[in-house]
Amino acid sequence: MYFYFFTYLCCLSGSGEHKETKKEQDAISCFGYCRDCGELHELPSELAIPHCYALMEQLSTHKRIDFDSAPEDADPRLSTDGLYTAMRGRMFGILVCEDQQGKEVILRAFSSRHNGVWNVSGWVPPLVDEHKFVAEVSLGNLDLHPLTDLIDTLPKESKEWYLKIAERRIVSHGILAKLNALYEIHNFNNEKRSLEGAFSLEKGIPVGTGDCCAPKLLNYAAIHQLKPLSIAEFFWGRETASGHRKERHFYVSCAEKCQPILGYMLCGVNNQIH
Protein backbone atom coordinates (compact mmCIF):
# COMPACT_ATOMS: atom_id res chain seq x y z
CA MET A 1 0.00 0.00 0.00
CA TYR A 2 1.25 3.46 -0.83
CA PHE A 3 0.93 6.47 1.43
CA TYR A 4 1.67 9.84 -0.11
CA PHE A 5 1.52 13.03 1.86
CA PHE A 6 1.51 16.00 -0.44
CA THR A 7 1.50 19.66 0.54
CA TYR A 8 1.57 21.84 -2.48
CA LEU A 9 0.00 25.25 -2.03
CA CYS A 10 1.30 28.23 -3.91
CA CYS A 11 -0.14 31.71 -3.38
CA LEU A 12 0.66 34.43 -5.91
CA SER A 13 1.44 37.97 -4.93
CA GLY A 14 -1.13 40.66 -5.66
CA SER A 15 0.86 41.82 -8.70
CA GLY A 16 0.40 38.45 -10.38
CA GLU A 17 4.18 37.98 -10.63
CA HIS A 18 5.63 34.76 -9.33
CA LYS A 19 8.95 33.00 -9.16
CA GLU A 20 8.75 29.25 -8.79
CA THR A 21 10.31 27.80 -5.68
CA LYS A 22 12.31 24.58 -5.65
CA LYS A 23 9.41 22.99 -3.76
CA GLU A 24 7.09 23.71 -6.68
CA GLN A 25 9.59 22.57 -9.28
CA ASP A 26 10.13 19.22 -7.56
CA ALA A 27 6.45 18.58 -6.83
CA ILE A 28 4.57 15.50 -8.00
CA SER A 29 0.88 16.40 -8.22
CA CYS A 30 -0.46 13.56 -10.37
CA PHE A 31 0.00 9.91 -9.44
CA GLY A 32 -1.81 6.63 -8.92
CA TYR A 33 -1.21 2.97 -8.17
CA CYS A 34 -1.74 0.59 -11.08
CA ARG A 35 -3.15 -2.82 -10.20
CA ASP A 36 -2.09 -4.26 -13.56
CA CYS A 37 1.66 -3.75 -13.22
CA GLY A 38 1.87 -3.19 -9.46
CA GLU A 39 3.65 0.14 -9.83
CA LEU A 40 3.00 3.72 -8.77
CA HIS A 41 2.95 5.96 -11.83
CA GLU A 42 3.45 9.71 -11.59
CA LEU A 43 4.06 12.93 -13.52
CA PRO A 44 6.10 15.94 -12.35
CA SER A 45 4.74 19.50 -12.25
CA GLU A 46 7.74 21.67 -13.10
CA LEU A 47 7.20 22.30 -16.81
CA ALA A 48 3.45 22.87 -16.45
CA ILE A 49 3.64 25.50 -13.71
CA PRO A 50 4.58 28.51 -15.91
CA HIS A 51 1.79 27.62 -18.33
CA CYS A 52 -0.65 27.53 -15.41
CA TYR A 53 0.35 31.06 -14.45
CA ALA A 54 -0.21 32.15 -18.04
CA LEU A 55 -3.67 30.55 -17.93
CA MET A 56 -4.41 32.33 -14.65
CA GLU A 57 -3.53 35.62 -16.35
CA GLN A 58 -5.92 34.84 -19.20
CA LEU A 59 -8.72 33.98 -16.78
CA SER A 60 -8.09 37.18 -14.84
CA THR A 61 -7.96 39.35 -17.96
CA HIS A 62 -10.77 37.89 -20.07
CA LYS A 63 -13.06 36.73 -17.24
CA ARG A 64 -14.31 33.95 -19.50
CA ILE A 65 -12.97 30.66 -20.82
CA ASP A 66 -13.76 30.99 -24.55
CA PHE A 67 -10.48 32.79 -25.25
CA ASP A 68 -10.59 31.83 -28.93
CA SER A 69 -13.76 33.88 -29.49
CA ALA A 70 -13.86 37.60 -30.15
CA PRO A 71 -15.49 39.61 -27.32
CA GLU A 72 -18.60 40.23 -29.41
CA ASP A 73 -18.96 36.48 -30.04
CA ALA A 74 -18.37 35.39 -26.44
CA ASP A 75 -20.84 32.90 -24.98
CA PRO A 76 -22.38 34.31 -21.76
CA ARG A 77 -22.42 30.80 -20.31
CA LEU A 78 -18.62 30.70 -20.49
CA SER A 79 -18.09 33.72 -18.26
CA THR A 80 -16.14 33.08 -15.05
CA ASP A 81 -18.55 35.24 -13.02
CA GLY A 82 -20.36 32.12 -11.82
CA LEU A 83 -17.17 30.87 -10.17
CA TYR A 84 -17.51 33.65 -7.60
CA THR A 85 -21.10 32.91 -6.60
CA ALA A 86 -22.54 30.35 -4.20
CA MET A 87 -21.62 27.73 -6.83
CA ARG A 88 -17.96 28.54 -6.05
CA GLY A 89 -14.83 27.90 -8.08
CA ARG A 90 -13.43 24.93 -9.98
CA MET A 91 -10.13 23.30 -10.88
CA PHE A 92 -8.18 24.07 -14.05
CA GLY A 93 -5.23 22.12 -15.35
CA ILE A 94 -2.35 22.14 -17.84
CA LEU A 95 -0.60 19.14 -19.40
CA VAL A 96 2.66 19.71 -21.25
CA CYS A 97 3.16 17.10 -23.98
CA GLU A 98 5.37 16.29 -26.92
CA ASP A 99 4.00 15.09 -30.24
CA GLN A 100 5.57 12.44 -32.47
CA GLN A 101 7.69 15.10 -34.21
CA GLY A 102 9.08 16.32 -30.88
CA LYS A 103 7.02 19.52 -30.88
CA GLU A 104 5.71 20.82 -27.56
CA VAL A 105 1.93 20.65 -27.17
CA ILE A 106 0.08 22.42 -24.34
CA LEU A 107 -3.29 21.00 -23.31
CA ARG A 108 -5.69 22.67 -20.90
CA ALA A 109 -8.79 21.44 -19.08
CA PHE A 110 -11.47 22.56 -16.66
CA SER A 111 -13.11 20.19 -14.23
CA SER A 112 -16.64 18.91 -14.81
CA ARG A 113 -18.87 21.20 -16.89
CA HIS A 114 -18.68 24.98 -17.05
CA ASN A 115 -22.14 26.35 -16.38
CA GLY A 116 -23.59 23.24 -18.00
CA VAL A 117 -21.29 23.35 -21.04
CA TRP A 118 -19.24 20.21 -21.73
CA ASN A 119 -17.17 21.14 -24.78
CA VAL A 120 -15.38 24.46 -25.29
CA SER A 121 -13.00 25.29 -28.14
CA GLY A 122 -9.39 25.25 -26.96
CA TRP A 123 -10.04 22.86 -24.08
CA VAL A 124 -9.80 19.07 -24.05
CA PRO A 125 -13.18 17.27 -24.21
CA PRO A 126 -14.75 15.08 -21.51
CA LEU A 127 -14.25 11.31 -21.35
CA VAL A 128 -17.88 10.73 -22.24
CA ASP A 129 -20.11 11.59 -25.19
CA GLU A 130 -22.27 14.38 -23.78
CA HIS A 131 -25.28 13.51 -25.96
CA LYS A 132 -25.28 9.88 -24.82
CA PHE A 133 -24.84 11.01 -21.22
CA VAL A 134 -27.74 13.48 -21.34
CA ALA A 135 -29.94 10.91 -23.08
CA GLU A 136 -29.19 8.32 -20.39
CA VAL A 137 -29.97 10.81 -17.62
CA SER A 138 -33.28 11.75 -19.27
CA LEU A 139 -34.20 8.09 -19.62
CA GLY A 140 -33.31 7.39 -16.00
CA ASN A 141 -35.37 10.32 -14.79
CA LEU A 142 -38.47 8.71 -16.28
CA ASP A 143 -38.12 6.03 -13.60
CA LEU A 144 -36.68 8.18 -10.84
CA HIS A 145 -38.98 11.21 -10.79
CA PRO A 146 -42.27 9.29 -10.40
CA LEU A 147 -40.77 7.48 -7.41
CA THR A 148 -39.70 10.76 -5.85
CA ASP A 149 -43.16 12.25 -6.40
CA LEU A 150 -44.77 9.18 -4.84
CA ILE A 151 -42.45 9.28 -1.82
CA ASP A 152 -43.43 12.90 -1.18
CA THR A 153 -47.07 11.81 -0.80
CA LEU A 154 -46.39 9.00 1.69
CA PRO A 155 -46.41 9.31 5.48
CA LYS A 156 -42.80 9.85 6.48
CA GLU A 157 -41.13 6.79 8.08
CA SER A 158 -44.09 4.58 7.22
CA LYS A 159 -43.38 1.07 5.95
CA GLU A 160 -44.26 1.98 2.37
CA TRP A 161 -42.15 5.13 2.63
CA TYR A 162 -39.08 3.07 3.57
CA LEU A 163 -39.78 0.56 0.80
CA LYS A 164 -40.02 3.27 -1.84
CA ILE A 165 -36.87 4.97 -0.52
CA ALA A 166 -35.04 1.67 -0.93
CA GLU A 167 -36.49 1.20 -4.40
CA ARG A 168 -35.39 4.68 -5.44
CA ARG A 169 -31.88 3.95 -4.18
CA ILE A 170 -31.72 0.83 -6.35
CA VAL A 171 -32.96 2.77 -9.38
CA SER A 172 -30.38 5.52 -8.73
CA HIS A 173 -27.55 3.00 -8.52
CA GLY A 174 -28.71 1.46 -11.79
CA ILE A 175 -28.67 4.84 -13.51
CA LEU A 176 -25.18 5.60 -12.19
CA ALA A 177 -23.91 2.24 -13.43
CA LYS A 178 -25.22 2.99 -16.92
CA LEU A 179 -23.64 6.46 -16.86
CA ASN A 180 -20.28 5.07 -15.70
CA ALA A 181 -20.38 2.54 -18.55
CA LEU A 182 -20.36 5.43 -21.04
CA TYR A 183 -16.87 6.55 -19.99
CA GLU A 184 -13.88 5.30 -21.98
CA ILE A 185 -10.58 5.35 -20.09
CA HIS A 186 -7.38 5.18 -22.17
CA ASN A 187 -3.77 4.68 -21.05
CA PHE A 188 -0.31 4.88 -22.64
CA ASN A 189 -0.13 1.18 -23.42
CA ASN A 190 -2.77 1.70 -26.12
CA GLU A 191 -5.38 0.08 -23.87
CA LYS A 192 -8.95 1.13 -23.13
CA ARG A 193 -11.34 0.24 -20.31
CA SER A 194 -14.62 1.24 -18.79
CA LEU A 195 -14.62 3.43 -15.71
CA GLU A 196 -15.37 0.41 -13.56
CA GLY A 197 -12.51 -1.55 -15.12
CA ALA A 198 -10.02 1.25 -14.51
CA PHE A 199 -11.08 2.10 -10.93
CA SER A 200 -8.57 0.57 -8.51
CA LEU A 201 -10.56 0.58 -5.26
CA GLU A 202 -13.14 -1.99 -4.20
CA LYS A 203 -15.62 0.61 -2.96
CA GLY A 204 -18.23 2.23 -5.17
CA ILE A 205 -17.25 4.74 -7.82
CA PRO A 206 -17.97 8.31 -6.62
CA VAL A 207 -20.22 10.50 -8.75
CA GLY A 208 -18.09 12.73 -10.97
CA THR A 209 -15.18 10.31 -11.32
CA GLY A 210 -13.44 10.94 -14.64
CA ASP A 211 -14.65 14.55 -14.87
CA CYS A 212 -11.63 16.20 -13.24
CA CYS A 213 -8.76 17.89 -15.10
CA ALA A 214 -6.08 15.20 -14.90
CA PRO A 215 -8.23 12.37 -16.35
CA LYS A 216 -9.44 14.65 -19.16
CA LEU A 217 -5.91 15.75 -20.03
CA LEU A 218 -4.33 12.30 -19.89
CA ASN A 219 -7.16 10.68 -21.84
CA TYR A 220 -6.80 13.19 -24.66
CA ALA A 221 -3.02 12.75 -24.74
CA ALA A 222 -3.28 8.95 -24.84
CA ILE A 223 -5.85 8.98 -27.65
CA HIS A 224 -3.79 11.41 -29.75
CA GLN A 225 -0.45 9.67 -29.11
CA LEU A 226 1.06 12.61 -27.24
CA LYS A 227 3.87 12.02 -24.75
CA PRO A 228 3.03 13.63 -21.35
CA LEU A 229 5.90 15.53 -19.74
CA SER A 230 4.38 17.54 -16.91
CA ILE A 231 1.00 18.33 -15.35
CA ALA A 232 -0.31 20.81 -12.77
CA GLU A 233 -3.77 21.80 -11.52
CA PHE A 234 -4.95 24.94 -9.74
CA PHE A 235 -8.18 26.30 -8.27
CA TRP A 236 -9.90 29.38 -9.68
CA GLY A 237 -12.86 31.27 -8.22
CA ARG A 238 -14.47 31.60 -4.82
CA GLU A 239 -12.88 29.27 -2.29
CA THR A 240 -14.73 26.11 -1.32
CA ALA A 241 -17.11 26.21 1.63
CA SER A 242 -14.62 24.22 3.70
CA GLY A 243 -11.83 26.62 2.77
CA HIS A 244 -9.67 23.73 1.62
CA ARG A 245 -9.31 25.08 -1.90
CA LYS A 246 -8.46 28.68 -2.66
CA GLU A 247 -7.93 30.68 -5.81
CA ARG A 248 -4.45 30.63 -7.39
CA HIS A 249 -3.39 27.65 -5.29
CA PHE A 250 -2.12 24.38 -6.76
CA TYR A 251 -3.45 21.02 -5.59
CA VAL A 252 -2.71 17.35 -6.04
CA SER A 253 -5.18 15.23 -8.01
CA CYS A 254 -7.96 14.20 -5.62
CA ALA A 255 -7.64 10.93 -3.72
CA GLU A 256 -11.33 10.00 -3.91
CA LYS A 257 -12.06 10.28 -7.64
CA CYS A 258 -8.81 10.75 -9.55
CA GLN A 259 -6.05 8.68 -7.97
CA PRO A 260 -8.03 5.39 -8.23
CA ILE A 261 -8.08 5.73 -12.05
CA LEU A 262 -4.82 7.63 -12.59
CA GLY A 263 -2.75 4.51 -11.93
CA TYR A 264 -4.33 2.80 -14.93
CA MET A 265 -4.33 5.96 -17.06
CA LEU A 266 -0.63 6.65 -16.42
CA CYS A 267 0.45 3.07 -17.10
CA GLY A 268 3.09 3.18 -19.83
CA VAL A 269 3.89 6.86 -19.29
CA ASN A 270 7.03 6.28 -17.21
CA ASN A 271 8.66 4.49 -20.14
CA GLN A 272 7.99 7.54 -22.28
CA ILE A 273 9.35 10.27 -20.02
CA HIS A 274 12.47 8.58 -18.61
Foldseek 3Di string as FASTA:
>chain_A
DDDDDDDFWDDDDPVLDDDDDVNQLADWQEWAAAPVVRDIFTAHANVFVVVVSVVVVVCVVVQFDQPVDDPVPDDPLRGNPVCADPVHWWKKKWWWWAAPVRDIDIAIATFDARSPHQDHPRHFGAQFDVVVLVVLVVVLCVVQVVLVVVLVPDDPPDPVNVVSVVVNVVSVVVSVVVNQQRGWQAAQVRDIDTNVVQFQDPDDADPRARRHTVRRVLRVCNVNVIQTHHMWMAIDGGADPVNPHDHPITHHDDPRRRRRRSNVRHVPNVVVHD
